[in-house]
Amino acid sequence: MKSNGFEWSDALEFVDTPEEGIAVRALCQMNEGEVVAKMPKEACLTIKTSGACDIIENACLGGYLGLAVAI
């Protein structure tokens, strides 16, 4: 994630267990308004960043349906 420009607080722990699956946990009390993670816009999966962007837009799909096709 770091090589793609993601940043996150040291107060977070990433875990992957058979019981819980993949999760993010807070290691301490977090305060309202505290930035816990930053992610570059180009790293977000959206209709525009999808490899199927042209197909989705040509079919006039948007919102949740367009994103479902992107996934």
PDB file of N, CA and C in Angstrom:
ATOM      1  N   MET A   1       0.822  -1.186   0.000  1.00  0.00           N
ATOM      2  CA  MET A   1       0.000   0.000   0.000  1.00  0.00           C
ATOM      3  C   MET A   1       0.870   1.256   0.000  1.00  0.00           C
ATOM      4  N   LYS A   2       1.974   1.215   0.732  1.00  0.00           N
ATOM      5  CA  LYS A   2       2.828   2.409   0.790  1.00  0.00           C
ATOM      6  C   LYS A   2       3.390   2.759  -0.583  1.00  0.00           C
ATOM      7  N   SER A   3       3.713   1.750  -1.382  1.00  0.00           N
ATOM      8  CA  SER A   3       4.269   2.032  -2.712  1.00  0.00           C
ATOM      9  C   SER A   3       3.237   2.683  -3.638  1.00  0.00           C
ATOM     10  N   ASN A   4       1.957   2.619  -3.273  1.00  0.00           N
ATOM     11  CA  ASN A   4       0.895   3.262  -4.042  1.00  0.00           C
ATOM     12  C   ASN A   4       0.442   4.570  -3.418  1.00  0.00           C
ATOM     13  N   GLY A   5       1.187   5.074  -2.427  1.00  0.00           N
ATOM     14  CA  GLY A   5       0.895   6.379  -1.856  1.00  0.00           C
ATOM     15  C   GLY A   5      -0.042   6.392  -0.669  1.00  0.00           C
ATOM     16  N   PHE A   6      -0.384   5.216  -0.133  1.00  0.00           N
ATOM     17  CA  PHE A   6      -1.246   5.164   1.045  1.00  0.00           C
ATOM     18  C   PHE A   6      -0.448   5.566   2.282  1.00  0.00           C
ATOM     19  N   GLU A   7      -1.107   6.256   3.193  1.00  0.00           N
ATOM     20  CA  GLU A   7      -0.515   6.612   4.484  1.00  0.00           C
ATOM     21  C   GLU A   7      -1.537   6.261   5.560  1.00  0.00           C
ATOM     22  N   TRP A   8      -1.062   5.831   6.739  1.00  0.00           N
ATOM     23  CA  TRP A   8      -1.979   5.544   7.836  1.00  0.00           C
ATOM     24  C   TRP A   8      -1.305   5.780   9.168  1.00  0.00           C
ATOM     25  N   SER A   9      -2.131   5.995  10.164  1.00  0.00           N
ATOM     26  CA  SER A   9      -1.685   6.300  11.518  1.00  0.00           C
ATOM     27  C   SER A   9      -1.048   5.079  12.163  1.00  0.00           C
ATOM     28  N   ASP A  10      -0.060   5.331  13.021  1.00  0.00           N
ATOM     29  CA  ASP A  10       0.546   4.252  13.813  1.00  0.00           C
ATOM     30  C   ASP A  10      -0.448   3.684  14.819  1.00  0.00           C
ATOM     31  N   ALA A  11      -1.579   4.351  14.980  1.00  0.00           N
ATOM     32  CA  ALA A  11      -2.614   3.890  15.907  1.00  0.00           C
ATOM     33  C   ALA A  11      -3.459   2.768  15.299  1.00  0.00           C
ATOM     34  N   LEU A  12      -3.178   2.381  14.055  1.00  0.00           N
ATOM     35  CA  LEU A  12      -3.939   1.322  13.390  1.00  0.00           C
ATOM     36  C   LEU A  12      -3.123   0.049  13.279  1.00  0.00           C
ATOM     37  N   GLU A  13      -3.823  -1.074  13.335  1.00  0.00           N
ATOM     38  CA  GLU A  13      -3.213  -2.387  13.157  1.00  0.00           C
ATOM     39  C   GLU A  13      -4.021  -3.128  12.094  1.00  0.00           C
ATOM     40  N   PHE A  14      -3.332  -3.704  11.118  1.00  0.00           N
ATOM     41  CA  PHE A  14      -3.975  -4.513  10.089  1.00  0.00           C
ATOM     42  C   PHE A  14      -3.837  -5.969  10.498  1.00  0.00           C
ATOM     43  N   VAL A  15      -4.947  -6.696  10.517  1.00  0.00           N
ATOM     44  CA  VAL A  15      -4.921  -8.096  10.938  1.00  0.00           C
ATOM     45  C   VAL A  15      -5.630  -8.970   9.908  1.00  0.00           C
ATOM     46  N   ASP A  16      -5.202 -10.209   9.845  1.00  0.00           N
ATOM     47  CA  ASP A  16      -5.826 -11.197   8.975  1.00  0.00           C
ATOM     48  C   ASP A  16      -5.847 -12.511   9.740  1.00  0.00           C
ATOM     49  N   THR A  17      -7.017 -12.877  10.241  1.00  0.00           N
ATOM     50  CA  THR A  17      -7.146 -14.107  11.014  1.00  0.00           C
ATOM     51  C   THR A  17      -8.233 -14.982  10.411  1.00  0.00           C
ATOM     52  N   PRO A  18      -8.120 -16.296  10.588  1.00  0.00           N
ATOM     53  CA  PRO A  18      -9.165 -17.188  10.069  1.00  0.00           C
ATOM     54  C   PRO A  18     -10.531 -16.899  10.695  1.00  0.00           C
ATOM     55  N   GLU A  19     -10.540 -16.462  11.945  1.00  0.00           N
ATOM     56  CA  GLU A  19     -11.798 -16.210  12.645  1.00  0.00           C
ATOM     57  C   GLU A  19     -12.478 -14.918  12.192  1.00  0.00           C
ATOM     58  N   GLU A  20     -11.700 -13.858  12.019  1.00  0.00           N
ATOM     59  CA  GLU A  20     -12.260 -12.545  11.725  1.00  0.00           C
ATOM     60  C   GLU A  20     -12.064 -12.097  10.283  1.00  0.00           C
ATOM     61  N   GLY A  21     -11.187 -12.721   9.558  1.00  0.00           N
ATOM     62  CA  GLY A  21     -10.863 -12.264   8.212  1.00  0.00           C
ATOM     63  C   GLY A  21      -9.921 -11.069   8.275  1.00  0.00           C
ATOM     64  N   ILE A  22      -9.946 -10.235   7.266  1.00  0.00           N
ATOM     65  CA  ILE A  22      -9.077  -9.065   7.207  1.00  0.00           C
ATOM     66  C   ILE A  22      -9.787  -7.901   7.886  1.00  0.00           C
ATOM     67  N   ALA A  23      -9.063  -7.210   8.762  1.00  0.00           N
ATOM     68  CA  ALA A  23      -9.667  -6.113   9.517  1.00  0.00           C
ATOM     69  C   ALA A  23      -8.627  -5.058   9.851  1.00  0.00           C
ATOM     70  N   VAL A  24      -9.115  -3.892  10.232  1.00  0.00           N
ATOM     71  CA  VAL A  24      -8.269  -2.811  10.734  1.00  0.00           C
ATOM     72  C   VAL A  24      -8.755  -2.501  12.142  1.00  0.00           C
ATOM     73  N   ARG A  25      -7.829  -2.464  13.077  1.00  0.00           N
ATOM     74  CA  ARG A  25      -8.180  -2.190  14.471  1.00  0.00           C
ATOM     75  C   ARG A  25      -7.442  -0.953  14.949  1.00  0.00           C
ATOM     76  N   ALA A  26      -8.108  -0.211  15.829  1.00  0.00           N
ATOM     77  CA  ALA A  26      -7.464   0.918  16.502  1.00  0.00           C
ATOM     78  C   ALA A  26      -6.705   0.364  17.710  1.00  0.00           C
ATOM     79  N   LEU A  27      -5.465   0.782  17.880  1.00  0.00           N
ATOM     80  CA  LEU A  27      -4.652   0.327  19.000  1.00  0.00           C
ATOM     81  C   LEU A  27      -4.807   1.220  20.221  1.00  0.00           C
ATOM     82  N   CYS A  28      -5.452   2.369  20.034  1.00  0.00           N
ATOM     83  CA  CYS A  28      -5.666   3.300  21.133  1.00  0.00           C
ATOM     84  C   CYS A  28      -6.912   4.128  20.842  1.00  0.00           C
ATOM     85  N   GLN A  29      -7.290   4.938  21.792  1.00  0.00           N
ATOM     86  CA  GLN A  29      -8.455   5.823  21.614  1.00  0.00           C
ATOM     87  C   GLN A  29      -8.174   6.810  20.486  1.00  0.00           C
ATOM     88  N   MET A  30      -9.120   6.950  19.577  1.00  0.00           N
ATOM     89  CA  MET A  30      -8.985   7.898  18.472  1.00  0.00           C
ATOM     90  C   MET A  30      -9.886   9.089  18.775  1.00  0.00           C
ATOM     91  N   ASN A  31      -9.446  10.264  18.387  1.00  0.00           N
ATOM     92  CA  ASN A  31     -10.214  11.481  18.617  1.00  0.00           C
ATOM     93  C   ASN A  31     -10.956  11.901  17.358  1.00  0.00           C
ATOM     94  N   GLU A  32     -12.136  12.457  17.538  1.00  0.00           N
ATOM     95  CA  GLU A  32     -12.915  12.953  16.417  1.00  0.00           C
ATOM     96  C   GLU A  32     -12.096  13.973  15.637  1.00  0.00           C
ATOM     97  N   GLY A  33     -12.099  13.823  14.320  1.00  0.00           N
ATOM     98  CA  GLY A  33     -11.372  14.738  13.454  1.00  0.00           C
ATOM     99  C   GLY A  33      -9.931  14.327  13.185  1.00  0.00           C
ATOM    100  N   GLU A  34      -9.442  13.322  13.899  1.00  0.00           N
ATOM    101  CA  GLU A  34      -8.071  12.845  13.713  1.00  0.00           C
ATOM    102  C   GLU A  34      -7.974  12.081  12.390  1.00  0.00           C
ATOM    103  N   VAL A  35      -6.966  12.387  11.586  1.00  0.00           N
ATOM    104  CA  VAL A  35      -6.774  11.687  10.320  1.00  0.00           C
ATOM    105  C   VAL A  35      -6.154  10.327  10.618  1.00  0.00           C
ATOM    106  N   VAL A  36      -6.826   9.268  10.173  1.00  0.00           N
ATOM    107  CA  VAL A  36      -6.312   7.926  10.437  1.00  0.00           C
ATOM    108  C   VAL A  36      -5.678   7.309   9.202  1.00  0.00           C
ATOM    109  N   ALA A  37      -6.081   7.775   8.014  1.00  0.00           N
ATOM    110  CA  ALA A  37      -5.501   7.242   6.791  1.00  0.00           C
ATOM    111  C   ALA A  37      -5.708   8.218   5.641  1.00  0.00           C
ATOM    112  N   LYS A  38      -4.777   8.163   4.692  1.00  0.00           N
ATOM    113  CA  LYS A  38      -4.890   8.945   3.458  1.00  0.00           C
ATOM    114  C   LYS A  38      -4.646   8.004   2.293  1.00  0.00           C
ATOM    115  N   MET A  39      -5.453   8.196   1.259  1.00  0.00           N
ATOM    116  CA  MET A  39      -5.387   7.328   0.091  1.00  0.00           C
ATOM    117  C   MET A  39      -5.482   8.200  -1.150  1.00  0.00           C
ATOM    118  N   PRO A  40      -4.551   8.062  -2.098  1.00  0.00           N
ATOM    119  CA  PRO A  40      -4.621   8.885  -3.302  1.00  0.00           C
ATOM    120  C   PRO A  40      -5.892   8.587  -4.106  1.00  0.00           C
ATOM    121  N   LYS A  41      -6.481   9.614  -4.653  1.00  0.00           N
ATOM    122  CA  LYS A  41      -7.724   9.451  -5.407  1.00  0.00           C
ATOM    123  C   LYS A  41      -7.558   8.439  -6.544  1.00  0.00           C
ATOM    124  N   GLU A  42      -6.403   8.459  -7.197  1.00  0.00           N
ATOM    125  CA  GLU A  42      -6.195   7.544  -8.323  1.00  0.00           C
ATOM    126  C   GLU A  42      -6.083   6.083  -7.877  1.00  0.00           C
ATOM    127  N   ALA A  43      -5.937   5.837  -6.583  1.00  0.00           N
ATOM    128  CA  ALA A  43      -5.884   4.471  -6.070  1.00  0.00           C
ATOM    129  C   ALA A  43      -7.269   3.943  -5.698  1.00  0.00           C
ATOM    130  N   CYS A  44      -8.281   4.791  -5.757  1.00  0.00           N
ATOM    131  CA  CYS A  44      -9.652   4.377  -5.426  1.00  0.00           C
ATOM    132  C   CYS A  44     -10.278   3.678  -6.625  1.00  0.00           C
ATOM    133  N   LEU A  45     -11.022   2.621  -6.372  1.00  0.00           N
ATOM    134  CA  LEU A  45     -11.779   1.977  -7.441  1.00  0.00           C
ATOM    135  C   LEU A  45     -13.064   2.765  -7.654  1.00  0.00           C
ATOM    136  N   THR A  46     -13.171   3.353  -8.814  1.00  0.00           N
ATOM    137  CA  THR A  46     -14.372   4.087  -9.205  1.00  0.00           C
ATOM    138  C   THR A  46     -14.717   3.673 -10.631  1.00  0.00           C
ATOM    139  N   ILE A  47     -15.834   4.144 -11.114  1.00  0.00           N
ATOM    140  CA  ILE A  47     -16.182   3.886 -12.515  1.00  0.00           C
ATOM    141  C   ILE A  47     -15.091   4.436 -13.427  1.00  0.00           C
ATOM    142  N   LYS A  48     -14.603   5.638 -13.115  1.00  0.00           N
ATOM    143  CA  LYS A  48     -13.599   6.302 -13.966  1.00  0.00           C
ATOM    144  C   LYS A  48     -12.257   5.574 -13.968  1.00  0.00           C
ATOM    145  N   THR A  49     -11.871   4.942 -12.850  1.00  0.00           N
ATOM    146  CA  THR A  49     -10.574   4.267 -12.785  1.00  0.00           C
ATOM    147  C   THR A  49     -10.651   2.800 -13.177  1.00  0.00           C
ATOM    148  N   SER A  50     -11.839   2.312 -13.449  1.00  0.00           N
ATOM    149  CA  SER A  50     -12.041   0.915 -13.814  1.00  0.00           C
ATOM    150  C   SER A  50     -11.575   0.652 -15.240  1.00  0.00           C
ATOM    151  N   GLY A  51     -11.082  -0.549 -15.464  1.00  0.00           N
ATOM    152  CA  GLY A  51     -10.731  -0.966 -16.820  1.00  0.00           C
ATOM    153  C   GLY A  51     -11.960  -1.070 -17.712  1.00  0.00           C
ATOM    154  N   ALA A  52     -13.137  -1.136 -17.090  1.00  0.00           N
ATOM    155  CA  ALA A  52     -14.392  -1.243 -17.836  1.00  0.00           C
ATOM    156  C   ALA A  52     -15.079   0.108 -17.985  1.00  0.00           C
ATOM    157  N   CYS A  53     -14.365   1.194 -17.776  1.00  0.00           N
ATOM    158  CA  CYS A  53     -14.946   2.538 -17.795  1.00  0.00           C
ATOM    159  C   CYS A  53     -15.753   2.811 -19.065  1.00  0.00           C
ATOM    160  N   ASP A  54     -15.184   2.542 -20.228  1.00  0.00           N
ATOM    161  CA  ASP A  54     -15.888   2.825 -21.486  1.00  0.00           C
ATOM    162  C   ASP A  54     -17.183   2.033 -21.595  1.00  0.00           C
ATOM    163  N   ILE A  55     -17.142   0.752 -21.213  1.00  0.00           N
ATOM    164  CA  ILE A  55     -18.336  -0.088 -21.288  1.00  0.00           C
ATOM    165  C   ILE A  55     -19.416   0.444 -20.353  1.00  0.00           C
ATOM    166  N   ILE A  56     -19.011   0.786 -19.138  1.00  0.00           N
ATOM    167  CA  ILE A  56     -19.954   1.284 -18.131  1.00  0.00           C
ATOM    168  C   ILE A  56     -20.591   2.589 -18.591  1.00  0.00           C
ATOM    169  N   GLU A  57     -19.768   3.517 -19.075  1.00  0.00           N
ATOM    170  CA  GLU A  57     -20.294   4.806 -19.514  1.00  0.00           C
ATOM    171  C   GLU A  57     -21.151   4.681 -20.766  1.00  0.00           C
ATOM    172  N   ASN A  58     -20.756   3.818 -21.705  1.00  0.00           N
ATOM    173  CA  ASN A  58     -21.551   3.621 -22.927  1.00  0.00           C
ATOM    174  C   ASN A  58     -22.915   3.008 -22.607  1.00  0.00           C
ATOM    175  N   ALA A  59     -22.980   2.220 -21.542  1.00  0.00           N
ATOM    176  CA  ALA A  59     -24.253   1.614 -21.134  1.00  0.00           C
ATOM    177  C   ALA A  59     -25.052   2.557 -20.229  1.00  0.00           C
ATOM    178  N   CYS A  60     -24.507   3.761 -20.002  1.00  0.00           N
ATOM    179  CA  CYS A  60     -25.156   4.768 -19.144  1.00  0.00           C
ATOM    180  C   CYS A  60     -25.437   4.238 -17.732  1.00  0.00           C
ATOM    181  N   LEU A  61     -24.515   3.450 -17.224  1.00  0.00           N
ATOM    182  CA  LEU A  61     -24.638   2.942 -15.864  1.00  0.00           C
ATOM    183  C   LEU A  61     -23.931   3.885 -14.925  1.00  0.00           C
ATOM    184  N   GLY A  62     -24.488   4.095 -13.776  1.00  0.00           N
ATOM    185  CA  GLY A  62     -23.870   4.963 -12.798  1.00  0.00           C
ATOM    186  C   GLY A  62     -24.160   4.462 -11.410  1.00  0.00           C
ATOM    187  N   GLY A  63     -23.676   5.188 -10.430  1.00  0.00           N
ATOM    188  CA  GLY A  63     -23.938   4.854  -9.035  1.00  0.00           C
ATOM    189  C   GLY A  63     -23.503   3.457  -8.671  1.00  0.00           C
ATOM    190  N   TYR A  64     -24.323   2.828  -7.821  1.00  0.00           N
ATOM    191  CA  TYR A  64     -23.976   1.493  -7.327  1.00  0.00           C
ATOM    192  C   TYR A  64     -23.909   0.461  -8.438  1.00  0.00           C
ATOM    193  N   LEU A  65     -24.771   0.570  -9.434  1.00  0.00           N
ATOM    194  CA  LEU A  65     -24.783  -0.396 -10.534  1.00  0.00           C
ATOM    195  C   LEU A  65     -23.492  -0.283 -11.349  1.00  0.00           C
ATOM    196  N   GLY A  66     -23.081   0.931 -11.655  1.00  0.00           N
ATOM    197  CA  GLY A  66     -21.840   1.135 -12.392  1.00  0.00           C
ATOM    198  C   GLY A  66     -20.638   0.620 -11.614  1.00  0.00           C
ATOM    199  N   LEU A  67     -20.623   0.870 -10.311  1.00  0.00           N
ATOM    200  CA  LEU A  67     -19.515   0.397  -9.488  1.00  0.00           C
ATOM    201  C   LEU A  67     -19.529  -1.133  -9.394  1.00  0.00           C
ATOM    202  N   ALA A  68     -20.712  -1.733  -9.320  1.00  0.00           N
ATOM    203  CA  ALA A  68     -20.812  -3.199  -9.283  1.00  0.00           C
ATOM    204  C   ALA A  68     -20.211  -3.804 -10.548  1.00  0.00           C
ATOM    205  N   VAL A  69     -20.458  -3.203 -11.699  1.00  0.00           N
ATOM    206  CA  VAL A  69     -19.875  -3.682 -12.948  1.00  0.00           C
ATOM    207  C   VAL A  69     -18.361  -3.485 -12.908  1.00  0.00           C
ATOM    208  N   ALA A  70     -17.895  -2.367 -12.370  1.00  0.00           N
ATOM    209  CA  ALA A  70     -16.455  -2.104 -12.275  1.00  0.00           C
ATOM    210  C   ALA A  70     -15.759  -3.174 -11.432  1.00  0.00           C
ATOM    211  N   ILE A  71     -16.426  -3.581 -10.368  1.00  0.00           N
ATOM    212  CA  ILE A  71     -15.842  -4.609  -9.484  1.00  0.00           C
ATOM    213  C   ILE A  71     -15.818  -5.939 -10.208  1.00  0.00           C
TER     214      ILE A  71
END
